Protein backbone atom coordinates (compact mmCIF):
# COMPACT_ATOMS: atom_id res chain seq x y z
CA MET A 1 0.13 0.26 0.28
CA ALA A 2 1.73 3.24 -0.98
CA ILE A 3 0.80 6.40 -3.00
CA ILE A 4 2.79 6.96 -6.27
CA THR A 5 3.17 10.31 -7.90
CA ILE A 6 4.31 10.75 -11.67
CA SER A 7 6.55 13.80 -12.55
CA ARG A 8 7.30 14.14 -16.46
CA ASP A 9 7.21 16.97 -19.01
CA SER A 10 4.49 17.18 -22.09
CA TYR A 11 4.61 13.69 -24.80
CA SER A 12 6.35 11.59 -21.86
CA LYS A 13 4.26 9.28 -21.37
CA GLY A 14 3.17 9.60 -18.25
CA LYS A 15 -0.45 9.47 -18.12
CA GLU A 16 0.43 5.69 -20.21
CA ILE A 17 2.68 4.45 -17.61
CA ALA A 18 0.67 5.64 -14.47
CA GLU A 19 -3.24 4.13 -15.84
CA ALA A 20 -0.56 0.75 -16.40
CA VAL A 21 1.04 0.82 -12.88
CA ALA A 22 -2.67 1.52 -11.01
CA GLN A 23 -4.33 -1.43 -13.54
CA LYS A 24 -1.27 -3.77 -12.19
CA LEU A 25 -1.53 -2.94 -8.50
CA GLY A 26 -5.22 -2.04 -8.36
CA TYR A 27 -4.98 1.31 -7.49
CA GLU A 28 -6.43 4.30 -7.92
CA CYS A 29 -5.35 6.29 -10.88
CA VAL A 30 -6.12 10.31 -10.34
CA SER A 31 -4.75 13.45 -12.51
CA ARG A 32 -7.68 15.63 -13.89
CA GLU A 33 -10.08 14.13 -11.62
CA ILE A 34 -8.28 16.27 -8.81
CA LEU A 35 -9.57 19.66 -10.13
CA MET A 36 -12.81 19.00 -11.64
CA GLU A 37 -13.73 17.58 -8.08
CA ALA A 38 -11.86 21.07 -6.74
CA SER A 39 -14.17 22.70 -9.07
CA LYS A 40 -17.02 21.14 -7.64
CA ASP A 41 -16.23 22.04 -4.20
CA PHE A 42 -15.55 25.23 -3.83
CA HIS A 43 -17.34 25.99 -7.13
CA ILE A 44 -14.31 27.18 -9.14
CA PRO A 45 -14.67 27.28 -12.87
CA GLU A 46 -12.22 24.31 -13.73
CA ILE A 47 -9.82 26.60 -16.23
CA LYS A 48 -8.94 28.86 -13.45
CA LEU A 49 -8.13 25.81 -11.74
CA LEU A 50 -6.10 24.63 -14.66
CA ARG A 51 -3.99 27.63 -15.32
CA ALA A 52 -2.98 27.94 -11.02
CA LEU A 53 -1.52 24.52 -12.12
CA HIS A 54 0.03 25.85 -15.40
CA ASP A 55 0.73 29.11 -15.94
CA ALA A 56 3.60 31.85 -14.45
CA PRO A 57 2.58 33.15 -10.78
CA ALA A 58 1.78 36.83 -12.50
CA VAL A 59 -0.76 35.37 -14.55
CA ILE A 60 -2.39 33.57 -11.88
CA ASP A 61 -2.60 36.76 -9.90
CA ARG A 62 -4.46 38.65 -12.19
CA PHE A 63 -7.84 36.05 -11.23
CA THR A 64 -10.04 37.42 -7.74
CA TYR A 65 -8.62 36.05 -4.98
CA GLY A 66 -4.80 34.81 -6.23
CA LYS A 67 -2.62 31.25 -6.65
CA GLU A 68 -2.97 30.91 -2.81
CA LYS A 69 -6.60 30.01 -3.09
CA TYR A 70 -6.65 27.78 -6.31
CA LEU A 71 -3.58 26.01 -4.92
CA ALA A 72 -5.49 24.95 -1.63
CA PHE A 73 -8.37 23.96 -2.86
CA ILE A 74 -6.56 21.54 -5.58
CA ARG A 75 -4.00 20.42 -2.54
CA SER A 76 -7.14 19.27 -0.19
CA GLU A 77 -9.07 17.41 -3.07
CA PHE A 78 -5.30 15.98 -3.85
CA LEU A 79 -5.13 14.54 -0.67
CA GLY A 80 -8.11 13.49 -0.24
CA HIS A 81 -7.79 11.05 -2.08
CA ALA A 82 -3.91 10.84 -0.94
CA ARG A 83 -4.79 9.52 2.90
CA LYS A 84 -6.90 6.26 1.08
CA ASP A 85 -3.66 5.22 0.23
CA ASN A 86 -3.29 2.82 -3.23
CA MET A 87 -3.32 5.55 -5.51
CA VAL A 88 -0.96 6.88 -8.54
CA TYR A 89 -1.17 10.33 -9.69
CA HIS A 90 0.72 11.43 -12.73
CA GLY A 91 0.76 15.63 -12.71
CA LEU A 92 2.60 17.90 -12.01
CA ALA A 93 2.71 19.03 -8.13
CA GLY A 94 2.27 15.71 -6.51
CA HIS A 95 5.62 15.21 -5.23
CA TYR A 96 5.68 18.33 -3.76
CA MET A 97 2.13 17.80 -1.56
CA ILE A 98 3.47 14.93 -0.16
CA GLU A 99 6.89 15.72 1.27
CA GLY A 100 8.29 13.68 3.88
CA ILE A 101 5.44 10.85 3.60
CA GLY A 102 7.29 7.48 3.72
CA HIS A 103 5.19 5.74 2.39
CA SER A 104 5.21 7.54 -1.03
CA LEU A 105 7.01 6.58 -4.37
CA LYS A 106 7.77 10.43 -5.99
CA VAL A 107 9.14 9.11 -9.82
CA ARG A 108 10.27 11.18 -12.70
CA ILE A 109 9.99 9.87 -16.11
CA VAL A 110 11.80 11.72 -18.59
CA ALA A 111 11.85 11.15 -22.34
CA ASP A 112 14.26 11.64 -25.09
CA MET A 113 14.06 15.08 -26.60
CA GLU A 114 13.50 13.95 -30.21
CA ASP A 115 11.12 11.69 -29.41
CA ARG A 116 9.31 14.65 -27.90
CA ILE A 117 9.57 16.86 -30.94
CA ARG A 118 8.41 14.15 -33.45
CA LEU A 119 5.09 13.63 -31.75
CA GLU A 120 4.48 17.56 -31.37
CA MET A 121 5.31 17.55 -34.97
CA GLN A 122 2.52 15.01 -35.37
CA LYS A 123 0.19 16.04 -33.03
CA GLU A 124 0.06 19.95 -33.83
CA ASN A 125 1.41 19.46 -38.00
CA VAL A 126 4.40 21.85 -37.25
CA SER A 127 7.91 22.34 -38.53
CA ARG A 128 10.44 20.21 -36.60
CA GLU A 129 11.94 24.08 -35.16
CA GLU A 130 8.49 25.44 -34.50
CA ALA A 131 8.08 21.87 -32.29
CA ARG A 132 11.44 22.25 -30.44
CA ARG A 133 10.52 25.99 -29.27
CA THR A 134 6.96 25.37 -28.41
CA LEU A 135 8.64 22.19 -26.05
CA GLU A 136 11.51 24.39 -24.92
CA LYS A 137 9.57 27.47 -23.77
CA ASP A 138 6.62 25.03 -21.90
CA ASP A 139 9.50 23.35 -20.17
CA GLU A 140 10.65 26.54 -18.79
CA ALA A 141 7.71 27.57 -17.90
CA ARG A 142 6.80 24.30 -15.93
CA ARG A 143 10.27 25.15 -14.24
CA LYS A 144 9.27 28.91 -13.21
CA TRP A 145 6.23 28.43 -12.19
CA SER A 146 7.59 25.54 -10.05
CA LEU A 147 9.91 27.69 -8.38
CA ALA A 148 8.00 30.70 -7.91
CA VAL A 149 5.06 28.37 -6.49
CA TRP A 150 7.46 25.98 -4.00
CA SER A 151 10.61 27.12 -4.79
CA LYS A 152 11.70 24.22 -6.29
CA ASP A 153 13.63 23.04 -9.06
CA PRO A 154 12.00 20.20 -10.74
CA LEU A 155 15.07 19.26 -12.19
CA ASP A 156 16.47 18.66 -8.99
CA ALA A 157 17.02 14.94 -8.75
CA ASN A 158 16.67 15.14 -4.75
CA LEU A 159 13.42 15.13 -5.15
CA TYR A 160 12.24 12.06 -6.36
CA ASP A 161 12.73 8.49 -5.50
CA MET A 162 13.47 7.54 -9.09
CA ILE A 163 14.02 8.97 -12.66
CA LEU A 164 13.25 6.53 -15.41
CA HIS A 165 14.70 7.47 -19.17
CA LEU A 166 13.05 5.98 -21.92
CA ASN A 167 15.64 6.44 -24.11
CA LYS A 168 16.31 3.07 -23.38
CA LEU A 169 13.80 2.02 -21.20
CA SER A 170 10.51 1.32 -22.74
CA THR A 171 7.01 2.21 -21.21
CA GLU A 172 6.78 -1.63 -19.99
CA ASP A 173 10.18 -1.61 -18.47
CA VAL A 174 9.18 1.28 -16.93
CA VAL A 175 5.82 0.60 -15.51
CA HIS A 176 7.78 -3.16 -14.09
CA ILE A 177 10.09 -1.36 -12.90
CA ILE A 178 7.72 1.10 -10.70
CA GLU A 179 5.65 -1.95 -9.94
CA ARG A 180 8.20 -4.27 -8.12
CA THR A 181 9.61 -0.55 -6.27
CA VAL A 182 6.98 0.33 -4.84
CA LYS A 183 6.59 -2.75 -3.09
CA LEU A 184 9.90 -2.59 -1.09
CA GLU A 185 9.24 -2.70 2.75
CA HIS A 186 9.80 1.11 2.16
CA PHE A 187 7.34 2.57 0.85
CA LYS A 188 4.82 0.54 3.18
CA THR A 189 2.11 2.33 5.21
CA THR A 190 2.42 2.45 8.35
CA PRO A 191 1.04 3.74 11.40
CA GLU A 192 3.37 6.79 11.77
CA SER A 193 3.29 7.70 7.85
CA GLN A 194 -0.78 7.75 7.98
CA LYS A 195 -1.10 9.74 10.53
CA ALA A 196 1.54 12.44 8.68
CA VAL A 197 -0.97 11.83 5.90
CA GLU A 198 -3.76 12.39 8.05
CA ASP A 199 -2.52 15.70 9.58
CA LEU A 200 -1.35 17.01 5.68
CA TYR A 201 -5.13 16.83 5.13
CA LEU A 202 -6.52 18.68 8.16
CA ALA A 203 -4.62 20.92 7.81
CA ALA A 204 -5.21 21.70 3.67
CA GLN A 205 -8.38 21.35 4.75
CA VAL A 206 -8.69 24.41 7.71
CA LYS A 207 -6.59 26.25 4.84
CA THR A 208 -9.77 26.38 2.16
CA TRP A 209 -11.34 27.36 4.76
CA ILE A 210 -9.47 30.71 6.13
CA VAL A 211 -7.03 31.43 2.61
CA GLY A 212 -9.66 33.58 1.43
CA GLU A 213 -9.24 35.80 4.46
CA PHE A 214 -6.03 34.93 4.72
CA PRO A 215 -4.34 34.54 1.28
CA ASN A 216 -0.85 34.27 3.12
CA CYS A 217 -1.68 31.78 5.90
CA THR A 218 0.69 28.73 6.68
CA VAL A 219 -1.43 26.14 8.58
CA SER A 220 -0.03 22.91 9.88
CA ALA A 221 -1.43 20.01 11.59
CA ASP A 222 -0.64 17.48 14.67
CA GLY A 223 -3.35 15.23 15.68
CA GLY A 224 -6.28 17.59 15.94
CA THR A 225 -4.26 20.62 17.16
CA VAL A 226 -4.06 23.21 13.89
CA ARG A 227 -1.71 25.65 13.89
CA VAL A 228 -1.49 28.49 11.51
CA TYR A 229 0.81 31.22 10.97
CA VAL A 230 -0.43 34.96 9.56
CA THR A 231 1.63 37.75 8.18
CA SER A 232 0.76 40.50 9.40
CA GLU A 233 0.76 43.48 11.95
CA LEU A 234 1.59 42.37 15.43
CA THR A 235 -0.89 45.08 16.87
CA LEU A 236 -3.87 42.85 15.31
CA GLU A 237 -3.13 39.37 16.37
CA PRO A 238 -6.17 39.63 19.30
CA ARG A 239 -8.73 40.02 15.67
CA ILE A 240 -7.06 37.52 13.58
CA ALA A 241 -6.45 35.05 16.16
CA ASP A 242 -10.03 34.99 17.25
CA GLU A 243 -11.33 35.17 13.37
CA VAL A 244 -9.06 32.27 12.19
CA LYS A 245 -10.28 30.22 15.11
CA LYS A 246 -13.98 31.10 14.72
CA LEU A 247 -13.10 29.73 10.71
CA ALA A 248 -11.08 27.05 11.47
CA GLU A 249 -13.08 25.21 14.25
CA GLY A 250 -15.71 24.55 11.44
CA VAL A 251 -13.77 21.97 10.12
CA GLU A 252 -14.29 18.17 11.42
CA GLY A 253 -11.68 17.18 13.15
CA VAL A 254 -9.95 20.10 14.96
CA ARG A 255 -9.98 20.22 18.33
CA ASP A 256 -7.48 23.14 19.36
CA VAL A 257 -6.73 26.15 16.88
CA GLU A 258 -3.76 28.22 17.68
CA VAL A 259 -2.93 31.13 15.92
CA SER A 260 0.54 33.06 15.23
CA VAL A 261 1.19 36.76 13.30
CA ILE A 262 4.73 37.08 12.06
CA PRO A 263 5.39 40.50 11.44
CA HIS A 264 6.11 42.11 8.25
CA GLY A 265 9.81 41.68 7.01
CA VAL A 266 10.75 38.45 9.46
């Protein structure tokens, strides 16, 4: 039992691999479903959520509530699936949202650029040079998004447990390797690692309730105790604490709420 995230660039067969792995293991396979559920539950057009996962922060911030609110909704839905275990997720941000979870296997799929160019040419009916420019622009946009939103470079090998290159490996090889690896003792769910997921989920749930009023908040949870950090003026701490507690206490599973105000510039 584990959570598998598959990160990949466009035309890297991530969807095909994720679906095959999920089928072999009997796991749930999710990707766009996260956006669809967030759109329904939080009454946000799916296109805005999609842009929050793809567009540069400057573009996202043109929306009414900014990227913080949309990403909070997406993370809550993602962790709602992750807490049930036995999940394969393919997309841009899954490995960021379960950082530190022991029973997660974070995989990066890398495809040869020439193969990606060929597929882009076939799909879009464009020249080789135009296909290359499009892919390079897309890759750089994804990298800038990750750096801006998560302060992490997607090219950093330390983010992943395994990087698999399709230059020498077939998709069947990759599926087999992932299937064998996730069954290792290191990736089995333990009570401690499951609690860590539950804590992330509770914190994510709370954030969806308060991010509209406090978009710069940071939330963590330990059991039923939730800690909220808000950047503001120290003189506003009593009022902010009261507002945050009223909002957060409406979330199922919250037993206690601790609020701290961090002064601007700290």
